[in-house]
Structures are given as C-alpha cells and as structure tokens.
Amino acid sequence: MKQLSNLLMIFTITAGLAFLQSCEKEVILPDDAAGTLADAELKKADKLRTFYGPTTSIGKGVARAWVKEDASGNPVEVGVDITEKVLESLPKDHASFVLPFHKNKGKNFYDHVLLGWEPMGHEPPGVYDVPHFDVHFYITSSAEREAIGFAPVSDPVDSDYVPDYYFLMDPVIPQMGSHWADGLSPEVSDDPDIYREFTHVMILGSYKGEFTFWEPMVTLDFLLQRPNVKVPVRQPKAWQRDGWYAKSYKIYYSSNPGTYTIALSELTWRKGS
C-alpha cells in the first residue's frame, strides 16, 4: 500500500462556514413546490416520494439534502443536490455547509449533511490533495457534532461493526469526529495494475466508539465529467444501532435541471446489536 501510515493525517481540516452572497441565485425547486413534486412522484410505478430540506446558497447556486421514501414511508435513499452554478462559483477557501433533512421524513435516522468544500484538498500529499467535496451524512444532531473537540487519539470501534480493510485514523477532528479510511481504495495502492488517481471514495466516521456518519468524497474534476455511477458499500458483520444503512452510493448528473447528486442508496433496515 502507498504509505498508508500517512493516512493518519487525513482530514486535519478546520470546519467553518462560508456563505457567498450573490444577486444571481439559482433555485433547484421552490420549497413550496416540494409537496407537488411528492404527489407527482407518488404516481410513478415505483411509488417513491422525495422530500427536500431547505436550500442553502453557495456562490451563485444552491444545495440541499433530501430523503426518498417508498409507499410505506420507509427511506430508500438520502442525498444532496448541488446545482451547476455552485460549481461555477465555488469559494476560494475551505468552507462547510450544514444541510438539514426534512424534519418529519425518512424515519429521522439521518439528521443532516455536513457538506465540505476542499479547494486544495487535504492530507496525505499525493492522495487527497486535489479539489473535492466531503459529503458527511450524519445520524447525530448538529449540536452533538459541533460539541466534538480535538483529541490526538481516536476511540476504536468494535471490529464487528467495521467493514473489512477499513482502519481508524488519528486525530479526532473538531466538529466532525474520527475518520476511517478504506485500505482497498485504489488511490492508496502501490500496485500499478490497481492504482488510479482519487476520483471518489467512501469514508466512515465515528465518535467515542460509535459510528456517526458516512462520507462519500468526490473530486470536482469527477463531477464535471457529469458521471453516473453506483458503487457498492462494504458491509460490517453487525450494526451498533437500529437504522437504515446504505448498500451503495451514487454520484450522478441530471440535465433538467442541471444538478449534481451524491446519495446513499439501497437503504436497508438493520437491527442493532
């Protein structure tokens, strides 16, 4: 592996907020139209309905979180939509944006998304130091997350709850938690038949020995290619708490309207142990 010890330095980022003001704001969908969209989607054969959280302005565009439910009200996907104009007017410095989910949908398992923009990437050098988004799907509240302070050493999680080949990194990042890297991800391999430059990867997050977030990371260059990919998420032997866990994640572009989506998909009910 490509100096995996260096990965212990990943995510030494300082969380912050940077909201750019602009007179040319883009809208995904008016908030008062969410019910209309849900009614329309309910008529589809799959009986799925999508419910949106509030929009957040980023540059000249907007982003927001959403949850998709089946006809029984069970969540099947959670995701973030980012409009094209966001990518055309991104902040020059690191910025974080809190995107709440709909208050009464999705069984309230996922609480909010912390969308991080990393214009210079972050450590380790040569791996994740390219412009990219960190998309943290949290199952804890913003208040709980914001109360997390720096700690030089991360708390481990029982191995039954950790997918194979994921490993814990230090330190604990303030207002985020601990991060788990994927030892099988091709951008950290020394094998020339496996290695590729970082485009997207699934990172896991925990705090005080419990998993608290799932984090697809995706590069700006990859998004600009207007991808349409679905990637399996490796599963642990057991789950710490009852909830809806993803079996895959998606990254895709929709032309009407021009929107980039990062989503946790195939949500499946798991009984905690």
Protein backbone atom coordinates (compact mmCIF):
# COMPACT_ATOMS: atom_id res chain seq x y z
CA MET A 1 0.00 0.00 0.00
CA LYS A 2 1.12 3.55 -0.66
CA GLN A 3 2.43 4.67 2.73
CA LEU A 4 -0.85 4.10 4.49
CA SER A 5 0.65 5.48 7.65
CA ASN A 6 0.38 8.89 6.02
CA LEU A 7 -3.38 8.49 6.01
CA LEU A 8 -3.36 9.06 9.76
CA MET A 9 -3.05 12.73 8.87
CA ILE A 10 -6.23 12.85 6.73
CA PHE A 11 -8.82 15.44 7.49
CA THR A 12 -6.85 17.80 9.73
CA ILE A 13 -9.27 20.38 8.50
CA THR A 14 -10.84 23.22 10.40
CA ALA A 15 -14.60 23.21 9.99
CA GLY A 16 -16.02 26.61 9.18
CA LEU A 17 -18.83 28.33 7.41
CA ALA A 18 -18.50 30.48 4.31
CA PHE A 19 -21.60 31.64 2.57
CA LEU A 20 -21.05 33.72 -0.58
CA GLN A 21 -23.59 36.38 -1.40
CA SER A 22 -24.81 36.92 -4.94
CA CYS A 23 -27.68 38.61 -6.69
CA GLU A 24 -27.90 35.75 -9.22
CA LYS A 25 -29.19 32.89 -7.10
CA GLU A 26 -30.13 29.60 -8.69
CA VAL A 27 -33.03 27.51 -7.44
CA ILE A 28 -33.41 23.73 -7.65
CA LEU A 29 -37.10 23.80 -6.80
CA PRO A 30 -39.19 26.26 -4.79
CA ASP A 31 -39.74 24.96 -1.27
CA ASP A 32 -43.50 25.35 -1.63
CA ALA A 33 -43.40 23.01 -4.64
CA ALA A 34 -41.97 20.07 -2.69
CA GLY A 35 -45.46 18.72 -2.00
CA THR A 36 -46.36 18.94 -5.68
CA LEU A 37 -43.22 17.01 -6.58
CA ALA A 38 -44.00 14.37 -3.97
CA ASP A 39 -47.55 13.97 -5.32
CA ALA A 40 -46.23 13.59 -8.85
CA GLU A 41 -43.63 11.04 -7.86
CA LEU A 42 -46.21 9.06 -5.89
CA LYS A 43 -48.00 8.38 -9.16
CA LYS A 44 -44.96 6.65 -10.58
CA ALA A 45 -44.89 2.88 -10.74
CA ASP A 46 -42.26 2.63 -8.03
CA LYS A 47 -44.41 4.69 -5.60
CA LEU A 48 -41.39 6.68 -4.41
CA ARG A 49 -41.66 10.17 -2.95
CA THR A 50 -38.85 12.68 -2.45
CA PHE A 51 -38.89 15.22 0.38
CA TYR A 52 -36.44 18.14 0.44
CA GLY A 53 -34.82 20.05 3.24
CA PRO A 54 -34.26 23.83 2.99
CA THR A 55 -31.93 25.20 0.33
CA THR A 56 -28.56 26.70 1.22
CA SER A 57 -26.90 29.29 -1.01
CA ILE A 58 -23.36 28.53 -2.19
CA GLY A 59 -21.98 31.14 -4.54
CA LYS A 60 -24.48 31.66 -7.32
CA GLY A 61 -26.13 28.29 -6.78
CA VAL A 62 -27.84 26.28 -4.08
CA ALA A 63 -27.61 22.88 -2.42
CA ARG A 64 -29.98 20.88 -0.28
CA ALA A 65 -30.46 17.47 1.26
CA TRP A 66 -33.35 15.14 0.52
CA VAL A 67 -34.80 11.80 1.53
CA LYS A 68 -36.67 9.42 -0.75
CA GLU A 69 -39.35 7.18 0.76
CA ASP A 70 -41.32 4.20 -0.51
CA ALA A 71 -45.10 3.94 -0.29
CA SER A 72 -44.82 2.65 3.30
CA GLY A 73 -42.80 5.67 4.42
CA ASN A 74 -39.52 3.79 4.66
CA PRO A 75 -36.38 5.63 3.47
CA VAL A 76 -34.74 4.13 0.40
CA GLU A 77 -32.21 6.90 -0.37
CA VAL A 78 -30.79 10.06 1.14
CA GLY A 79 -28.82 12.53 -0.89
CA VAL A 80 -27.57 16.01 -1.66
CA ASP A 81 -28.31 18.01 -4.82
CA ILE A 82 -25.79 20.66 -5.88
CA THR A 83 -26.72 22.95 -8.77
CA GLU A 84 -24.40 23.67 -11.69
CA LYS A 85 -23.91 27.29 -10.68
CA VAL A 86 -22.38 26.16 -7.38
CA LEU A 87 -19.54 24.55 -9.29
CA GLU A 88 -19.13 27.71 -11.33
CA SER A 89 -18.74 29.95 -8.24
CA LEU A 90 -17.08 27.90 -5.52
CA PRO A 91 -15.32 29.58 -2.56
CA LYS A 92 -11.56 30.00 -2.86
CA ASP A 93 -11.07 28.75 0.70
CA HIS A 94 -12.30 25.76 2.67
CA ALA A 95 -16.00 26.05 3.51
CA SER A 96 -18.61 23.88 5.25
CA PHE A 97 -22.37 23.98 4.86
CA VAL A 98 -24.97 22.31 7.07
CA LEU A 99 -27.86 20.84 5.06
CA PRO A 100 -30.77 19.60 7.21
CA PHE A 101 -33.11 16.85 6.09
CA HIS A 102 -36.88 17.19 6.07
CA LYS A 103 -37.99 17.29 9.72
CA ASN A 104 -40.66 14.59 9.54
CA LYS A 105 -39.48 12.20 6.85
CA GLY A 106 -37.05 9.35 6.45
CA LYS A 107 -37.78 7.96 9.93
CA ASN A 108 -35.37 10.67 11.17
CA PHE A 109 -32.44 8.25 11.06
CA TYR A 110 -30.26 10.67 9.08
CA ASP A 111 -30.23 14.09 10.73
CA HIS A 112 -28.20 16.38 8.48
CA VAL A 113 -25.41 16.60 5.92
CA LEU A 114 -22.18 18.48 6.52
CA LEU A 115 -21.06 19.43 3.01
CA GLY A 116 -17.39 20.34 2.96
CA TRP A 117 -15.62 22.03 0.05
CA GLU A 118 -11.84 21.47 -0.06
CA PRO A 119 -10.32 23.66 -2.83
CA MET A 120 -6.78 22.48 -2.02
CA GLY A 121 -7.77 19.02 -0.84
CA HIS A 122 -6.17 17.72 2.34
CA GLU A 123 -3.54 15.28 3.51
CA PRO A 124 -1.95 12.95 2.71
CA PRO A 125 0.02 14.57 -0.12
CA GLY A 126 -0.39 12.85 -3.43
CA VAL A 127 -3.65 11.15 -2.43
CA TYR A 128 -6.47 13.51 -1.39
CA ASP A 129 -4.80 16.87 -2.01
CA VAL A 130 -6.97 17.79 -5.01
CA PRO A 131 -10.14 19.93 -5.06
CA HIS A 132 -13.05 17.83 -3.79
CA PHE A 133 -16.24 17.66 -1.74
CA ASP A 134 -16.57 15.83 1.59
CA VAL A 135 -20.23 14.81 1.94
CA HIS A 136 -20.86 13.74 5.56
CA PHE A 137 -24.24 12.08 6.20
CA TYR A 138 -24.72 12.34 9.98
CA ILE A 139 -27.08 10.31 12.17
CA THR A 140 -26.34 12.59 15.14
CA SER A 141 -27.56 16.15 15.58
CA SER A 142 -25.67 19.27 14.56
CA ALA A 143 -25.41 20.21 18.25
CA GLU A 144 -23.78 16.88 19.10
CA ARG A 145 -21.40 17.19 16.19
CA GLU A 146 -20.46 20.78 16.98
CA ALA A 147 -19.63 19.79 20.57
CA ILE A 148 -16.82 17.49 19.37
CA GLY A 149 -13.41 18.84 20.30
CA PHE A 150 -9.91 17.96 19.18
CA ALA A 151 -8.33 14.78 20.53
CA PRO A 152 -4.97 13.45 19.35
CA VAL A 153 -6.10 9.81 19.54
CA SER A 154 -9.36 8.38 18.20
CA ASP A 155 -11.53 5.89 20.08
CA PRO A 156 -11.73 2.46 18.41
CA VAL A 157 -14.97 0.76 17.37
CA ASP A 158 -15.66 -2.93 17.98
CA SER A 159 -14.36 -4.84 14.94
CA ASP A 160 -17.75 -6.49 14.25
CA TYR A 161 -19.10 -3.07 13.26
CA VAL A 162 -16.21 -2.21 10.93
CA PRO A 163 -16.18 -3.38 7.28
CA ASP A 164 -13.11 -5.38 6.31
CA TYR A 165 -9.95 -3.39 5.48
CA TYR A 166 -11.19 -0.10 6.93
CA PHE A 167 -8.83 1.36 9.51
CA LEU A 168 -9.09 4.13 12.10
CA MET A 169 -7.12 7.35 11.72
CA ASP A 170 -5.98 9.94 14.24
CA PRO A 171 -6.72 12.58 15.39
CA VAL A 172 -10.35 13.34 16.26
CA ILE A 173 -11.32 16.31 14.06
CA PRO A 174 -13.20 19.11 15.85
CA GLN A 175 -16.88 19.37 14.93
CA MET A 176 -16.60 16.18 12.88
CA GLY A 177 -15.21 13.15 14.71
CA SER A 178 -12.87 10.31 13.78
CA HIS A 179 -12.39 9.08 10.22
CA TRP A 180 -11.93 5.57 8.85
CA ALA A 181 -10.03 5.07 5.58
CA ASP A 182 -10.62 2.32 3.05
CA GLY A 183 -7.45 0.26 2.74
CA LEU A 184 -8.73 -1.24 -0.53
CA SER A 185 -9.28 2.09 -2.23
CA PRO A 186 -7.20 2.10 -5.46
CA GLU A 187 -5.67 5.55 -4.94
CA VAL A 188 -3.63 4.22 -2.00
CA SER A 189 -2.28 1.14 -3.79
CA ASP A 190 1.32 0.63 -4.90
CA ASP A 191 0.21 -1.92 -7.49
CA PRO A 192 0.30 -0.22 -10.93
CA ASP A 193 -2.49 -2.54 -12.10
CA ILE A 194 -4.72 -1.26 -9.30
CA TYR A 195 -3.63 2.31 -8.66
CA ARG A 196 -5.64 5.23 -10.04
CA GLU A 197 -5.89 8.84 -9.05
CA PHE A 198 -8.53 9.71 -6.49
CA THR A 199 -11.96 10.33 -8.00
CA HIS A 200 -14.38 9.17 -5.31
CA VAL A 201 -14.29 7.00 -2.18
CA MET A 202 -16.39 6.11 0.86
CA ILE A 203 -15.02 7.23 4.25
CA LEU A 204 -16.64 6.23 7.57
CA GLY A 205 -16.90 8.38 10.69
CA SER A 206 -17.23 7.72 14.39
CA TYR A 207 -17.05 9.36 17.79
CA LYS A 208 -16.48 7.79 21.20
CA GLY A 209 -16.59 4.31 19.72
CA GLU A 210 -19.83 4.66 17.74
CA PHE A 211 -20.33 5.30 14.04
CA THR A 212 -21.92 8.68 13.44
CA PHE A 213 -21.52 9.44 9.72
CA TRP A 214 -20.91 8.02 6.25
CA GLU A 215 -18.92 10.20 3.87
CA PRO A 216 -18.62 9.87 0.12
CA MET A 217 -15.72 12.05 -1.06
CA VAL A 218 -15.77 13.11 -4.71
CA THR A 219 -13.43 15.32 -6.71
CA LEU A 220 -14.51 18.42 -8.58
CA ASP A 221 -12.97 17.05 -11.78
CA PHE A 222 -15.02 13.87 -11.50
CA LEU A 223 -18.27 15.80 -11.01
CA LEU A 224 -17.52 17.98 -14.02
CA GLN A 225 -17.44 14.82 -16.14
CA ARG A 226 -21.18 14.51 -15.40
CA PRO A 227 -20.87 10.92 -14.13
CA ASN A 228 -23.49 8.28 -13.49
CA VAL A 229 -22.01 5.70 -11.13
CA LYS A 230 -23.28 3.40 -8.42
CA VAL A 231 -20.70 1.93 -6.05
CA PRO A 232 -21.20 -0.88 -3.50
CA VAL A 233 -20.60 -0.05 0.17
CA ARG A 234 -18.83 -2.85 2.02
CA GLN A 235 -20.89 -4.11 4.94
CA PRO A 236 -19.81 -4.94 8.51
CA LYS A 237 -20.73 -8.14 10.33
CA ALA A 238 -23.13 -6.27 12.62
CA TRP A 239 -24.56 -2.81 13.30
CA GLN A 240 -24.42 -0.84 16.52
CA ARG A 241 -27.93 0.60 16.43
CA ASP A 242 -31.22 0.07 14.65
CA GLY A 243 -31.38 2.04 11.44
CA TRP A 244 -31.31 2.37 7.67
CA TYR A 245 -27.87 1.67 6.23
CA ALA A 246 -26.68 2.08 2.64
CA LYS A 247 -25.62 -0.83 0.48
CA SER A 248 -24.32 1.54 -2.20
CA TYR A 249 -23.68 5.17 -3.01
CA LYS A 250 -24.44 7.09 -6.19
CA ILE A 251 -22.88 10.06 -7.98
CA TYR A 252 -24.75 11.38 -10.99
CA TYR A 253 -25.69 14.41 -13.07
CA SER A 254 -29.19 15.45 -14.14
CA SER A 255 -29.52 17.84 -17.08
CA ASN A 256 -33.04 19.08 -16.29
CA PRO A 257 -32.39 20.94 -14.10
CA GLY A 258 -28.59 20.97 -14.17
CA THR A 259 -27.85 19.24 -10.86
CA TYR A 260 -25.13 17.04 -9.40
CA THR A 261 -26.27 14.44 -6.86
CA ILE A 262 -24.36 12.44 -4.25
CA ALA A 263 -26.56 9.89 -2.47
CA LEU A 264 -26.55 6.94 -0.11
CA SER A 265 -28.67 4.30 -1.83
CA GLU A 266 -30.34 0.94 -1.22
CA LEU A 267 -31.05 1.87 2.39
CA THR A 268 -31.75 -1.33 4.30
CA TRP A 269 -33.13 -1.79 7.81
CA ARG A 270 -30.58 -3.31 10.18
CA LYS A 271 -31.13 -4.37 13.77
CA GLY A 272 -28.55 -3.07 16.19
CA SER A 273 -26.70 -5.46 18.46
